Amino acid sequence: MAEFTMELNDDQKQVRDWIHGFAADVMRPAAAEWDEREETPWPVIQEAAKVGIYSLDFYAQQFFDPTGLGIPMAMEELFWGDAGIALSIVGTGLAAIGVVANGTEEQIGTWIPQMYGTADDVKVAAFCSSEPDAGSDVGSMRTRAVYDQAKDEWVLNGTKTWATNGGIANVHIVVAVVDPELGTKGHASFIVPPNTPGLSQGQKFKKHGIRASHTAEVVLEDVRIPGSCLLGGKEKLDERLARAHERARSGGGERVKNAAMATFEASRPAVGAMAVGTARAAYEVALDYAKTRTQFGRPIIDNQGVAFQLADMRTRIDAARLLVWRASWMAVAGRPFESAEGSMSKLFASEVAKEVTAQAVQILGGNGFTREYPVERMHRDSAIYTIFEGTSEIQRLVIARTISGMPIR
């Protein structure tokens, strides 16, 4: 088990500088264009694939970093480049992780390559969980998967929403209800192969921020997929459902629920790292501007009103990063989140991103309100961090329940 450290080793620094160079040289020059176009930046994703950033191997290497800092370091640098483009690059990883975490070796070997494609023919994948009436409340999920034993096929019906790459993905991973009596424990994940009849893109959302990332509804109408597309396989699912029914009868269902919540907790520091990247980017623009912009014969940073804002911005960014790094190290070290440290990191970093980007706009004044300067885009992008992967209100609920042991509602 690696000791907690705030110092990156030489290998990590080399990877960080490599990602930072890609973010600075490829992502940033393209950011404004793809934000305006509100389209998936396929050329940038292709460039990421050519250099090795858009690949499962890259994310696997960072994920298995024994210090736990590989993923947050990579996320911070990519989202420092541009949040919308970065989400287009890392969005496939959500679906890939779903397969790696729950699939068989055969499923991993078959479907992961199809999610990424090749450097010459890049593909994307989509993870479809949220629904119009089931966002934070996953227990309200309505998408159903019914097994047709005669044909060894699963039939999926329902509508998913807020799906990154939804409808344009080569492979969709869909979470559906297989046993309504079990609530959230009666869910399973399915692979929907390319060009499967019945799957279509619904509404494509025109968003406030992260506009270079494609977000849409996914409609499933009598979608038939082979039995082999159930992640983990039918035997494993049946065993899990049987255990869940037995626990429900014996009154042990809450233990299973808490174990699932722990899984969500472990993923939240990565979103916190994304927020840190955007906040840092806005802070750096504001700092440079304050040192070069003159009013009344001197740089505006000579005024305490501006200098103190920048001091607070830097302090809060560093504090957010430390919370993210602590939670990331705890996750890889197997330390329990006894105070919901994963949610703490996501909550604080998300709020910092919104506050810092707003302060950056203020420091740039009228220029900050125009699209000639990137802080306007960064401010719009930052709004998503307090919403996805659990809203700030949900994070506070998780933290409050954890530290109090009470069923706070």
Foldseek 3Di string as FASTA:
>chain_A
DDDADPDDDPVLVVVLVVLLCLLVPPQQVCALVLLVVLAAPVVSLLVCQVVPNQAPVQVVVLPVPLQLCSLLSNLLSNLLSPVLNSCSRCQQVVVLVVQVVFADPVSNVPPRCLQAPHSVDGFHEKEFQADPPPAVNSLPFDWAWEADVVQQKIWTFDKTFFIFCAARGQKYKYKHAHDNVLRPLRIFIFIQHGPFPQKHWDDWDCALASSNITTTMIGGDRGIDHQSRTGNGDVVSVVSVVVSVVCVVVVNNVVVVVVVVQVLLLPQLSLLSSLLSLLVSLLVVLVVQQQPDDDPHHRNCVDCVSVVLSVVLVVLSVVLVVLSSVSSSCSSVVNGPLQSSSLVSLLSSLVSSLVSLVSSLVSVPPVSCDPVDCSVNSNSHSNCSCPPSHHSVRSVLVNVCSVVVDNDD
